Amino acid sequence: MEPADYIVLRLDGDYAVLRRTDVPSEEDFFIARAFLPEAADEGSRLHYEAFVYTLA
């Protein structure tokens, strides 16, 4: 998968809702918070590359 940038829209229990910022036409999606950096919070910007999410 190619690199991508996201913003955390909201946290919902063990899940987060992400929105892709570099391709705005994509739909928001849920992902398990366990895949995100521990410091990620609502409004955090994330970078995804090589199957790893990091704070941007």
PDB file of N, CA and C in Angstrom:
ATOM      1  N   MET A   1       0.835  -1.178   0.000  1.00  0.00           N
ATOM      2  CA  MET A   1       0.000   0.000   0.000  1.00  0.00           C
ATOM      3  C   MET A   1       0.882   1.243   0.000  1.00  0.00           C
ATOM      4  N   GLU A   2       0.447   2.266  -0.708  1.00  0.00           N
ATOM      5  CA  GLU A   2       1.214   3.505  -0.816  1.00  0.00           C
ATOM      6  C   GLU A   2       1.080   4.348   0.450  1.00  0.00           C
ATOM      7  N   PRO A   3       2.010   5.265   0.678  1.00  0.00           N
ATOM      8  CA  PRO A   3       1.909   6.159   1.828  1.00  0.00           C
ATOM      9  C   PRO A   3       0.638   7.002   1.761  1.00  0.00           C
ATOM     10  N   ALA A   4       0.096   7.361   2.931  1.00  0.00           N
ATOM     11  CA  ALA A   4      -1.131   8.147   2.998  1.00  0.00           C
ATOM     12  C   ALA A   4      -1.130   8.973   4.273  1.00  0.00           C
ATOM     13  N   ASP A   5      -1.889  10.069   4.255  1.00  0.00           N
ATOM     14  CA  ASP A   5      -2.022  10.941   5.414  1.00  0.00           C
ATOM     15  C   ASP A   5      -3.474  10.962   5.873  1.00  0.00           C
ATOM     16  N   TYR A   6      -3.664  10.965   7.199  1.00  0.00           N
ATOM     17  CA  TYR A   6      -5.005  10.896   7.795  1.00  0.00           C
ATOM     18  C   TYR A   6      -5.127  11.882   8.931  1.00  0.00           C
ATOM     19  N   ILE A   7      -6.366  12.155   9.304  1.00  0.00           N
ATOM     20  CA  ILE A   7      -6.669  12.902  10.527  1.00  0.00           C
ATOM     21  C   ILE A   7      -7.631  12.038  11.342  1.00  0.00           C
ATOM     22  N   VAL A   8      -7.441  12.040  12.659  1.00  0.00           N
ATOM     23  CA  VAL A   8      -8.331  11.292  13.546  1.00  0.00           C
ATOM     24  C   VAL A   8      -9.556  12.169  13.806  1.00  0.00           C
ATOM     25  N   LEU A   9     -10.709  11.739  13.303  1.00  0.00           N
ATOM     26  CA  LEU A   9     -11.936  12.516  13.481  1.00  0.00           C
ATOM     27  C   LEU A   9     -12.522  12.334  14.864  1.00  0.00           C
ATOM     28  N   ARG A  10     -12.583  11.084  15.314  1.00  0.00           N
ATOM     29  CA  ARG A  10     -13.120  10.833  16.663  1.00  0.00           C
ATOM     30  C   ARG A  10     -12.637   9.481  17.164  1.00  0.00           C
ATOM     31  N   LEU A  11     -12.642   9.355  18.482  1.00  0.00           N
ATOM     32  CA  LEU A  11     -12.312   8.099  19.142  1.00  0.00           C
ATOM     33  C   LEU A  11     -13.605   7.530  19.685  1.00  0.00           C
ATOM     34  N   ASP A  12     -13.805   6.243  19.465  1.00  0.00           N
ATOM     35  CA  ASP A  12     -15.045   5.580  19.866  1.00  0.00           C
ATOM     36  C   ASP A  12     -14.683   4.252  20.518  1.00  0.00           C
ATOM     37  N   GLY A  13     -14.424   4.288  21.830  1.00  0.00           N
ATOM     38  CA  GLY A  13     -14.018   3.069  22.536  1.00  0.00           C
ATOM     39  C   GLY A  13     -12.669   2.584  22.042  1.00  0.00           C
ATOM     40  N   ASP A  14     -12.639   1.343  21.558  1.00  0.00           N
ATOM     41  CA  ASP A  14     -11.396   0.749  21.066  1.00  0.00           C
ATOM     42  C   ASP A  14     -11.120   1.069  19.611  1.00  0.00           C
ATOM     43  N   TYR A  15     -11.931   1.938  19.016  1.00  0.00           N
ATOM     44  CA  TYR A  15     -11.794   2.258  17.599  1.00  0.00           C
ATOM     45  C   TYR A  15     -11.620   3.751  17.387  1.00  0.00           C
ATOM     46  N   ALA A  16     -11.055   4.099  16.232  1.00  0.00           N
ATOM     47  CA  ALA A  16     -10.917   5.491  15.821  1.00  0.00           C
ATOM     48  C   ALA A  16     -11.505   5.622  14.421  1.00  0.00           C
ATOM     49  N   VAL A  17     -12.011   6.796  14.132  1.00  0.00           N
ATOM     50  CA  VAL A  17     -12.508   7.091  12.792  1.00  0.00           C
ATOM     51  C   VAL A  17     -11.477   7.991  12.128  1.00  0.00           C
ATOM     52  N   LEU A  18     -10.969   7.551  10.973  1.00  0.00           N
ATOM     53  CA  LEU A  18      -9.947   8.298  10.255  1.00  0.00           C
ATOM     54  C   LEU A  18     -10.502   8.832   8.939  1.00  0.00           C
ATOM     55  N   ARG A  19      -9.961   9.985   8.532  1.00  0.00           N
ATOM     56  CA  ARG A  19     -10.287  10.549   7.222  1.00  0.00           C
ATOM     57  C   ARG A  19      -8.972  10.813   6.500  1.00  0.00           C
ATOM     58  N   ARG A  20      -8.911  10.354   5.283  1.00  0.00           N
ATOM     59  CA  ARG A  20      -7.710  10.569   4.483  1.00  0.00           C
ATOM     60  C   ARG A  20      -7.666  12.027   4.037  1.00  0.00           C
ATOM     61  N   THR A  21      -6.529  12.691   4.231  1.00  0.00           N
ATOM     62  CA  THR A  21      -6.424  14.108   3.904  1.00  0.00           C
ATOM     63  C   THR A  21      -5.804  14.350   2.538  1.00  0.00           C
ATOM     64  N   ASP A  22      -5.050  13.387   2.012  1.00  0.00           N
ATOM     65  CA  ASP A  22      -4.407  13.586   0.717  1.00  0.00           C
ATOM     66  C   ASP A  22      -5.297  13.147  -0.446  1.00  0.00           C
ATOM     67  N   VAL A  23      -6.387  12.418  -0.166  1.00  0.00           N
ATOM     68  CA  VAL A  23      -7.374  12.019  -1.181  1.00  0.00           C
ATOM     69  C   VAL A  23      -8.756  12.221  -0.552  1.00  0.00           C
ATOM     70  N   PRO A  24      -9.286  13.443  -0.579  1.00  0.00           N
ATOM     71  CA  PRO A  24     -10.521  13.755   0.150  1.00  0.00           C
ATOM     72  C   PRO A  24     -11.753  12.987  -0.315  1.00  0.00           C
ATOM     73  N   SER A  25     -11.724  12.381  -1.488  1.00  0.00           N
ATOM     74  CA  SER A  25     -12.907  11.669  -1.988  1.00  0.00           C
ATOM     75  C   SER A  25     -13.123  10.315  -1.310  1.00  0.00           C
ATOM     76  N   GLU A  26     -12.130   9.825  -0.576  1.00  0.00           N
ATOM     77  CA  GLU A  26     -12.285   8.527   0.098  1.00  0.00           C
ATOM     78  C   GLU A  26     -13.181   8.668   1.323  1.00  0.00           C
ATOM     79  N   GLU A  27     -13.906   7.595   1.630  1.00  0.00           N
ATOM     80  CA  GLU A  27     -14.809   7.606   2.786  1.00  0.00           C
ATOM     81  C   GLU A  27     -14.030   7.457   4.086  1.00  0.00           C
ATOM     82  N   ASP A  28     -14.599   7.972   5.174  1.00  0.00           N
ATOM     83  CA  ASP A  28     -14.030   7.789   6.508  1.00  0.00           C
ATOM     84  C   ASP A  28     -14.107   6.309   6.864  1.00  0.00           C
ATOM     85  N   PHE A  29     -13.193   5.847   7.719  1.00  0.00           N
ATOM     86  CA  PHE A  29     -13.237   4.441   8.112  1.00  0.00           C
ATOM     87  C   PHE A  29     -12.820   4.249   9.561  1.00  0.00           C
ATOM     88  N   PHE A  30     -13.301   3.135  10.132  1.00  0.00           N
ATOM     89  CA  PHE A  30     -12.953   2.736  11.497  1.00  0.00           C
ATOM     90  C   PHE A  30     -11.693   1.899  11.463  1.00  0.00           C
ATOM     91  N   ILE A  31     -10.858   2.081  12.484  1.00  0.00           N
ATOM     92  CA  ILE A  31      -9.666   1.251  12.645  1.00  0.00           C
ATOM     93  C   ILE A  31      -9.463   1.038  14.146  1.00  0.00           C
ATOM     94  N   ALA A  32      -8.957  -0.113  14.506  1.00  0.00           N
ATOM     95  CA  ALA A  32      -8.685  -0.405  15.916  1.00  0.00           C
ATOM     96  C   ALA A  32      -7.592   0.538  16.427  1.00  0.00           C
ATOM     97  N   ARG A  33      -7.823   1.106  17.608  1.00  0.00           N
ATOM     98  CA  ARG A  33      -6.850   2.039  18.178  1.00  0.00           C
ATOM     99  C   ARG A  33      -5.512   1.383  18.452  1.00  0.00           C
ATOM    100  N   ALA A  34      -5.492   0.069  18.580  1.00  0.00           N
ATOM    101  CA  ALA A  34      -4.245  -0.644  18.833  1.00  0.00           C
ATOM    102  C   ALA A  34      -3.245  -0.466  17.686  1.00  0.00           C
ATOM    103  N   PHE A  35      -3.719  -0.130  16.497  1.00  0.00           N
ATOM    104  CA  PHE A  35      -2.838   0.074  15.340  1.00  0.00           C
ATOM    105  C   PHE A  35      -2.254   1.484  15.295  1.00  0.00           C
ATOM    106  N   LEU A  36      -2.787   2.386  16.115  1.00  0.00           N
ATOM    107  CA  LEU A  36      -2.355   3.782  16.101  1.00  0.00           C
ATOM    108  C   LEU A  36      -1.345   4.048  17.206  1.00  0.00           C
ATOM    109  N   PRO A  37      -0.553   5.116  17.057  1.00  0.00           N
ATOM    110  CA  PRO A  37       0.375   5.480  18.139  1.00  0.00           C
ATOM    111  C   PRO A  37      -0.408   5.782  19.414  1.00  0.00           C
ATOM    112  N   GLU A  38       0.176   5.460  20.558  1.00  0.00           N
ATOM    113  CA  GLU A  38      -0.490   5.647  21.843  1.00  0.00           C
ATOM    114  C   GLU A  38      -0.915   7.098  22.077  1.00  0.00           C
ATOM    115  N   ALA A  39      -0.145   8.039  21.571  1.00  0.00           N
ATOM    116  CA  ALA A  39      -0.431   9.455  21.796  1.00  0.00           C
ATOM    117  C   ALA A  39      -1.488  10.014  20.841  1.00  0.00           C
ATOM    118  N   ALA A  40      -1.978   9.224  19.910  1.00  0.00           N
ATOM    119  CA  ALA A  40      -2.982   9.711  18.954  1.00  0.00           C
ATOM    120  C   ALA A  40      -4.269  10.071  19.683  1.00  0.00           C
ATOM    121  N   ASP A  41      -4.827  11.219  19.327  1.00  0.00           N
ATOM    122  CA  ASP A  41      -6.055  11.714  19.941  1.00  0.00           C
ATOM    123  C   ASP A  41      -6.889  12.365  18.847  1.00  0.00           C
ATOM    124  N   GLU A  42      -8.108  12.760  19.170  1.00  0.00           N
ATOM    125  CA  GLU A  42      -8.950  13.424  18.178  1.00  0.00           C
ATOM    126  C   GLU A  42      -8.225  14.656  17.649  1.00  0.00           C
ATOM    127  N   GLY A  43      -8.201  14.800  16.342  1.00  0.00           N
ATOM    128  CA  GLY A  43      -7.506  15.911  15.702  1.00  0.00           C
ATOM    129  C   GLY A  43      -6.069  15.609  15.334  1.00  0.00           C
ATOM    130  N   SER A  44      -5.521  14.484  15.793  1.00  0.00           N
ATOM    131  CA  SER A  44      -4.144  14.132  15.466  1.00  0.00           C
ATOM    132  C   SER A  44      -4.008  13.859  13.972  1.00  0.00           C
ATOM    133  N   ARG A  45      -2.878  14.245  13.426  1.00  0.00           N
ATOM    134  CA  ARG A  45      -2.576  13.941  12.030  1.00  0.00           C
ATOM    135  C   ARG A  45      -1.637  12.744  12.014  1.00  0.00           C
ATOM    136  N   LEU A  46      -1.942  11.797  11.141  1.00  0.00           N
ATOM    137  CA  LEU A  46      -1.176  10.552  11.058  1.00  0.00           C
ATOM    138  C   LEU A  46      -0.614  10.360   9.660  1.00  0.00           C
ATOM    139  N   HIS A  47       0.512   9.690   9.600  1.00  0.00           N
ATOM    140  CA  HIS A  47       1.099   9.283   8.325  1.00  0.00           C
ATOM    141  C   HIS A  47       1.169   7.758   8.341  1.00  0.00           C
ATOM    142  N   TYR A  48       0.744   7.158   7.243  1.00  0.00           N
ATOM    143  CA  TYR A  48       0.734   5.697   7.122  1.00  0.00           C
ATOM    144  C   TYR A  48       1.716   5.292   6.035  1.00  0.00           C
ATOM    145  N   GLU A  49       2.630   4.409   6.395  1.00  0.00           N
ATOM    146  CA  GLU A  49       3.596   3.905   5.423  1.00  0.00           C
ATOM    147  C   GLU A  49       4.152   2.589   5.943  1.00  0.00           C
ATOM    148  N   ALA A  50       4.301   1.629   5.038  1.00  0.00           N
ATOM    149  CA  ALA A  50       4.860   0.317   5.377  1.00  0.00           C
ATOM    150  C   ALA A  50       4.090  -0.338   6.533  1.00  0.00           C
ATOM    151  N   PHE A  51       2.752  -0.237   6.503  1.00  0.00           N
ATOM    152  CA  PHE A  51       1.860  -0.856   7.485  1.00  0.00           C
ATOM    153  C   PHE A  51       1.994  -0.279   8.889  1.00  0.00           C
ATOM    154  N   VAL A  52       2.522   0.959   8.997  1.00  0.00           N
ATOM    155  CA  VAL A  52       2.719   1.594  10.298  1.00  0.00           C
ATOM    156  C   VAL A  52       2.141   3.016  10.263  1.00  0.00           C
ATOM    157  N   TYR A  53       1.357   3.364  11.304  1.00  0.00           N
ATOM    158  CA  TYR A  53       0.843   4.720  11.478  1.00  0.00           C
ATOM    159  C   TYR A  53       1.772   5.455  12.441  1.00  0.00           C
ATOM    160  N   THR A  54       2.183   6.682  12.056  1.00  0.00           N
ATOM    161  CA  THR A  54       2.999   7.512  12.923  1.00  0.00           C
ATOM    162  C   THR A  54       2.351   8.900  13.008  1.00  0.00           C
ATOM    163  N   LEU A  55       2.624   9.614  14.090  1.00  0.00           N
ATOM    164  CA  LEU A  55       2.132  10.986  14.216  1.00  0.00           C
ATOM    165  C   LEU A  55       2.889  11.869  13.235  1.00  0.00           C
ATOM    166  N   ALA A  56       2.160  12.703  12.539  1.00  0.00           N
ATOM    167  CA  ALA A  56       2.790  13.580  11.541  1.00  0.00           C
ATOM    168  C   ALA A  56       3.049  14.947  12.135  1.00  0.00           C
TER     169      ALA A  56
END
